[in-house]
Amino acid sequence: MRYDLKLIQAQCHEAGFQTSMPDGTCLNVEVTHGIILCFVNAEREADCLIGFEDTQWHFHDDPQYSDAHGRYVDVPYREIVPALARGELLVCERWKDGTLKERSLIHRDYNDELRFMEPGEEIRIGRSVALGRRE
């Protein structure tokens, strides 16, 4: 699925998130201080993805979030930025021994991240912060 980067950039501008689009195929969104969420349109449509700049976590198409009870919600990619701004989607980090292991988006109401914790691991969950506009 190809992402409408201009639409997402307009949503970011409205919500106050800083963005950059260095090559026209990737929109970088600073969802909070130094944390960049990337919307990437690759040459092959199957390779288009959304993920964080400095971790391997990513997804293709629209994400689906579920909880430990089997309930779930689909979030169309066009709703990711508004959901971040409203606090429905959160940034989740998994740390072990002082090292960032994974950064992902989780849904405020549909998640089961604690179930997958390993010994010595720490989970940090935060809400995005609009940092002002950049063209």
C-alpha atoms as a PDB file:
ATOM      1  CA  MET A   1       0.000   0.000   0.000  1.00  0.00           C
ATOM      2  CA  ARG A   2       1.346   3.423  -0.912  1.00  0.00           C
ATOM      3  CA  TYR A   3       0.909   6.175   1.643  1.00  0.00           C
ATOM      4  CA  ASP A   4      -0.393   9.643   0.816  1.00  0.00           C
ATOM      5  CA  LEU A   5       2.606  11.516   2.221  1.00  0.00           C
ATOM      6  CA  LYS A   6       1.193  14.968   1.443  1.00  0.00           C
ATOM      7  CA  LEU A   7      -1.979  14.150   3.400  1.00  0.00           C
ATOM      8  CA  ILE A   8       0.036  12.863   6.361  1.00  0.00           C
ATOM      9  CA  GLN A   9       2.282  15.924   6.234  1.00  0.00           C
ATOM     10  CA  ALA A  10      -0.792  18.193   6.267  1.00  0.00           C
ATOM     11  CA  GLN A  11      -2.149  16.296   9.303  1.00  0.00           C
ATOM     12  CA  CYS A  12       1.210  16.728  11.027  1.00  0.00           C
ATOM     13  CA  HIS A  13       1.197  20.452  10.276  1.00  0.00           C
ATOM     14  CA  GLU A  14      -2.314  20.763  11.732  1.00  0.00           C
ATOM     15  CA  ALA A  15      -1.364  18.781  14.864  1.00  0.00           C
ATOM     16  CA  GLY A  16       1.925  20.646  15.348  1.00  0.00           C
ATOM     17  CA  PHE A  17       4.315  17.760  14.619  1.00  0.00           C
ATOM     18  CA  GLN A  18       7.592  18.631  12.918  1.00  0.00           C
ATOM     19  CA  THR A  19       8.217  16.854   9.608  1.00  0.00           C
ATOM     20  CA  SER A  20      10.817  16.513   6.898  1.00  0.00           C
ATOM     21  CA  MET A  21      10.647  14.826   3.512  1.00  0.00           C
ATOM     22  CA  PRO A  22      14.257  14.563   2.335  1.00  0.00           C
ATOM     23  CA  ASP A  23      13.704  12.663  -0.913  1.00  0.00           C
ATOM     24  CA  GLY A  24       9.957  12.646  -1.595  1.00  0.00           C
ATOM     25  CA  THR A  25       9.566   8.946  -0.780  1.00  0.00           C
ATOM     26  CA  CYS A  26       9.857   9.148   3.014  1.00  0.00           C
ATOM     27  CA  LEU A  27       8.046  11.439   5.437  1.00  0.00           C
ATOM     28  CA  ASN A  28       9.790  11.758   8.803  1.00  0.00           C
ATOM     29  CA  VAL A  29       7.561  12.816  11.693  1.00  0.00           C
ATOM     30  CA  GLU A  30       9.070  13.839  15.024  1.00  0.00           C
ATOM     31  CA  VAL A  31       6.442  12.396  17.370  1.00  0.00           C
ATOM     32  CA  THR A  32       8.346  13.521  20.461  1.00  0.00           C
ATOM     33  CA  HIS A  33      11.825  14.772  21.279  1.00  0.00           C
ATOM     34  CA  GLY A  34      14.232  12.977  18.919  1.00  0.00           C
ATOM     35  CA  ILE A  35      11.858  10.118  18.092  1.00  0.00           C
ATOM     36  CA  ILE A  36      11.126   9.911  14.372  1.00  0.00           C
ATOM     37  CA  LEU A  37       8.275   7.905  12.853  1.00  0.00           C
ATOM     38  CA  CYS A  38       8.836   7.276   9.134  1.00  0.00           C
ATOM     39  CA  PHE A  39       6.210   6.745   6.440  1.00  0.00           C
ATOM     40  CA  VAL A  40       8.083   5.159   3.527  1.00  0.00           C
ATOM     41  CA  ASN A  41       6.873   4.665  -0.043  1.00  0.00           C
ATOM     42  CA  ALA A  42       9.261   2.112  -1.543  1.00  0.00           C
ATOM     43  CA  GLU A  43       9.723   1.258  -5.205  1.00  0.00           C
ATOM     44  CA  ARG A  44       7.699  -1.931  -4.768  1.00  0.00           C
ATOM     45  CA  GLU A  45       4.299  -1.299  -3.186  1.00  0.00           C
ATOM     46  CA  ALA A  46       4.676  -4.419  -1.008  1.00  0.00           C
ATOM     47  CA  ASP A  47       7.788  -2.840   0.569  1.00  0.00           C
ATOM     48  CA  CYS A  48       6.088   0.394   1.699  1.00  0.00           C
ATOM     49  CA  LEU A  49       6.195   0.643   5.486  1.00  0.00           C
ATOM     50  CA  ILE A  50       5.732   2.710   8.596  1.00  0.00           C
ATOM     51  CA  GLY A  51       8.337   2.407  11.338  1.00  0.00           C
ATOM     52  CA  PHE A  52      10.693   4.202  13.675  1.00  0.00           C
ATOM     53  CA  GLU A  53      13.961   5.572  12.372  1.00  0.00           C
ATOM     54  CA  ASP A  54      16.286   3.743  14.762  1.00  0.00           C
ATOM     55  CA  THR A  55      14.656   0.349  15.384  1.00  0.00           C
ATOM     56  CA  GLN A  56      13.618  -2.630  13.274  1.00  0.00           C
ATOM     57  CA  TRP A  57       9.931  -2.539  14.271  1.00  0.00           C
ATOM     58  CA  HIS A  58       7.649  -1.622  11.374  1.00  0.00           C
ATOM     59  CA  PHE A  59       4.408  -2.577   9.683  1.00  0.00           C
ATOM     60  CA  HIS A  60       3.001  -2.597   6.192  1.00  0.00           C
ATOM     61  CA  ASP A  61      -0.505  -1.411   5.289  1.00  0.00           C
ATOM     62  CA  ASP A  62      -2.807  -0.488   8.199  1.00  0.00           C
ATOM     63  CA  PRO A  63      -1.922  -1.590  11.737  1.00  0.00           C
ATOM     64  CA  GLN A  64      -4.192  -3.682  13.923  1.00  0.00           C
ATOM     65  CA  TYR A  65      -3.946  -3.580  17.708  1.00  0.00           C
ATOM     66  CA  SER A  66      -5.271  -6.225  20.082  1.00  0.00           C
ATOM     67  CA  ASP A  67      -5.478  -6.828  23.804  1.00  0.00           C
ATOM     68  CA  ALA A  68      -5.059  -9.941  25.931  1.00  0.00           C
ATOM     69  CA  HIS A  69      -8.809 -10.637  25.691  1.00  0.00           C
ATOM     70  CA  GLY A  70      -8.845 -10.922  21.899  1.00  0.00           C
ATOM     71  CA  ARG A  71     -10.468  -7.548  21.306  1.00  0.00           C
ATOM     72  CA  TYR A  72      -8.908  -5.528  18.531  1.00  0.00           C
ATOM     73  CA  VAL A  73      -9.087  -2.304  16.578  1.00  0.00           C
ATOM     74  CA  ASP A  74      -7.852  -1.485  13.076  1.00  0.00           C
ATOM     75  CA  VAL A  75      -6.255   1.930  12.624  1.00  0.00           C
ATOM     76  CA  PRO A  76      -6.144   3.123   9.006  1.00  0.00           C
ATOM     77  CA  TYR A  77      -2.763   4.710   8.255  1.00  0.00           C
ATOM     78  CA  ARG A  78      -4.576   7.992   7.586  1.00  0.00           C
ATOM     79  CA  GLU A  79      -5.612   8.008  11.266  1.00  0.00           C
ATOM     80  CA  ILE A  80      -2.161   7.417  12.789  1.00  0.00           C
ATOM     81  CA  VAL A  81      -1.171  11.078  13.150  1.00  0.00           C
ATOM     82  CA  PRO A  82      -4.563  12.210  14.507  1.00  0.00           C
ATOM     83  CA  ALA A  83      -4.548   9.229  16.925  1.00  0.00           C
ATOM     84  CA  LEU A  84      -1.048  10.192  18.122  1.00  0.00           C
ATOM     85  CA  ALA A  85      -2.200  13.765  18.652  1.00  0.00           C
ATOM     86  CA  ARG A  86      -5.254  12.575  20.651  1.00  0.00           C
ATOM     87  CA  GLY A  87      -3.177  10.182  22.767  1.00  0.00           C
ATOM     88  CA  GLU A  88      -4.881   7.043  21.449  1.00  0.00           C
ATOM     89  CA  LEU A  89      -1.607   5.760  19.962  1.00  0.00           C
ATOM     90  CA  LEU A  90       1.431   5.792  22.237  1.00  0.00           C
ATOM     91  CA  VAL A  91       5.149   5.227  21.797  1.00  0.00           C
ATOM     92  CA  CYS A  92       6.323   2.044  23.525  1.00  0.00           C
ATOM     93  CA  GLU A  93      10.012   1.318  24.127  1.00  0.00           C
ATOM     94  CA  ARG A  94      11.517  -1.961  25.320  1.00  0.00           C
ATOM     95  CA  TRP A  95      14.842  -1.526  27.118  1.00  0.00           C
ATOM     96  CA  LYS A  96      17.227  -4.145  28.475  1.00  0.00           C
ATOM     97  CA  ASP A  97      20.476  -3.432  30.283  1.00  0.00           C
ATOM     98  CA  GLY A  98      20.286   0.235  29.314  1.00  0.00           C
ATOM     99  CA  THR A  99      19.922  -0.530  25.591  1.00  0.00           C
ATOM    100  CA  LEU A 100      16.891   0.236  23.452  1.00  0.00           C
ATOM    101  CA  LYS A 101      15.692  -3.072  21.996  1.00  0.00           C
ATOM    102  CA  GLU A 102      12.494  -1.979  20.251  1.00  0.00           C
ATOM    103  CA  ARG A 103      10.322   1.048  19.705  1.00  0.00           C
ATOM    104  CA  SER A 104       6.753   0.642  18.470  1.00  0.00           C
ATOM    105  CA  LEU A 105       3.342   2.213  18.422  1.00  0.00           C
ATOM    106  CA  ILE A 106       0.749   0.725  20.741  1.00  0.00           C
ATOM    107  CA  HIS A 107      -2.898   1.541  21.205  1.00  0.00           C
ATOM    108  CA  ARG A 108      -3.908   3.055  24.543  1.00  0.00           C
ATOM    109  CA  ASP A 109      -6.882   0.687  24.940  1.00  0.00           C
ATOM    110  CA  TYR A 110      -5.812  -2.360  22.895  1.00  0.00           C
ATOM    111  CA  ASN A 111      -2.416  -3.667  23.960  1.00  0.00           C
ATOM    112  CA  ASP A 112      -0.805  -6.546  25.793  1.00  0.00           C
ATOM    113  CA  GLU A 113       2.848  -5.471  25.916  1.00  0.00           C
ATOM    114  CA  LEU A 114       3.417  -6.539  29.519  1.00  0.00           C
ATOM    115  CA  ARG A 115       2.730 -10.156  28.623  1.00  0.00           C
ATOM    116  CA  PHE A 116       5.916 -10.319  26.539  1.00  0.00           C
ATOM    117  CA  MET A 117       8.356  -8.840  29.057  1.00  0.00           C
ATOM    118  CA  GLU A 118      11.577 -10.745  29.676  1.00  0.00           C
ATOM    119  CA  PRO A 119      13.625 -10.788  32.898  1.00  0.00           C
ATOM    120  CA  GLY A 120      15.575  -7.556  33.335  1.00  0.00           C
ATOM    121  CA  GLU A 121      13.510  -5.751  30.713  1.00  0.00           C
ATOM    122  CA  GLU A 122      11.910  -2.346  31.127  1.00  0.00           C
ATOM    123  CA  ILE A 123       8.991  -0.942  29.159  1.00  0.00           C
ATOM    124  CA  ARG A 124       8.599   2.812  28.750  1.00  0.00           C
ATOM    125  CA  ILE A 125       5.359   4.157  27.339  1.00  0.00           C
ATOM    126  CA  GLY A 126       4.879   7.798  26.457  1.00  0.00           C
ATOM    127  CA  ARG A 127       2.501  10.061  24.680  1.00  0.00           C
ATOM    128  CA  SER A 128       3.643  12.012  21.626  1.00  0.00           C
ATOM    129  CA  VAL A 129       4.364  15.721  22.015  1.00  0.00           C
ATOM    130  CA  ALA A 130       3.807  18.199  19.205  1.00  0.00           C
ATOM    131  CA  LEU A 131       6.980  20.277  19.029  1.00  0.00           C
ATOM    132  CA  GLY A 132       5.953  23.013  16.622  1.00  0.00           C
ATOM    133  CA  ARG A 133       5.894  23.253  12.866  1.00  0.00           C
ATOM    134  CA  ARG A 134       8.724  22.955  10.372  1.00  0.00           C
ATOM    135  CA  GLU A 135       8.322  23.151   6.607  1.00  0.00           C
END
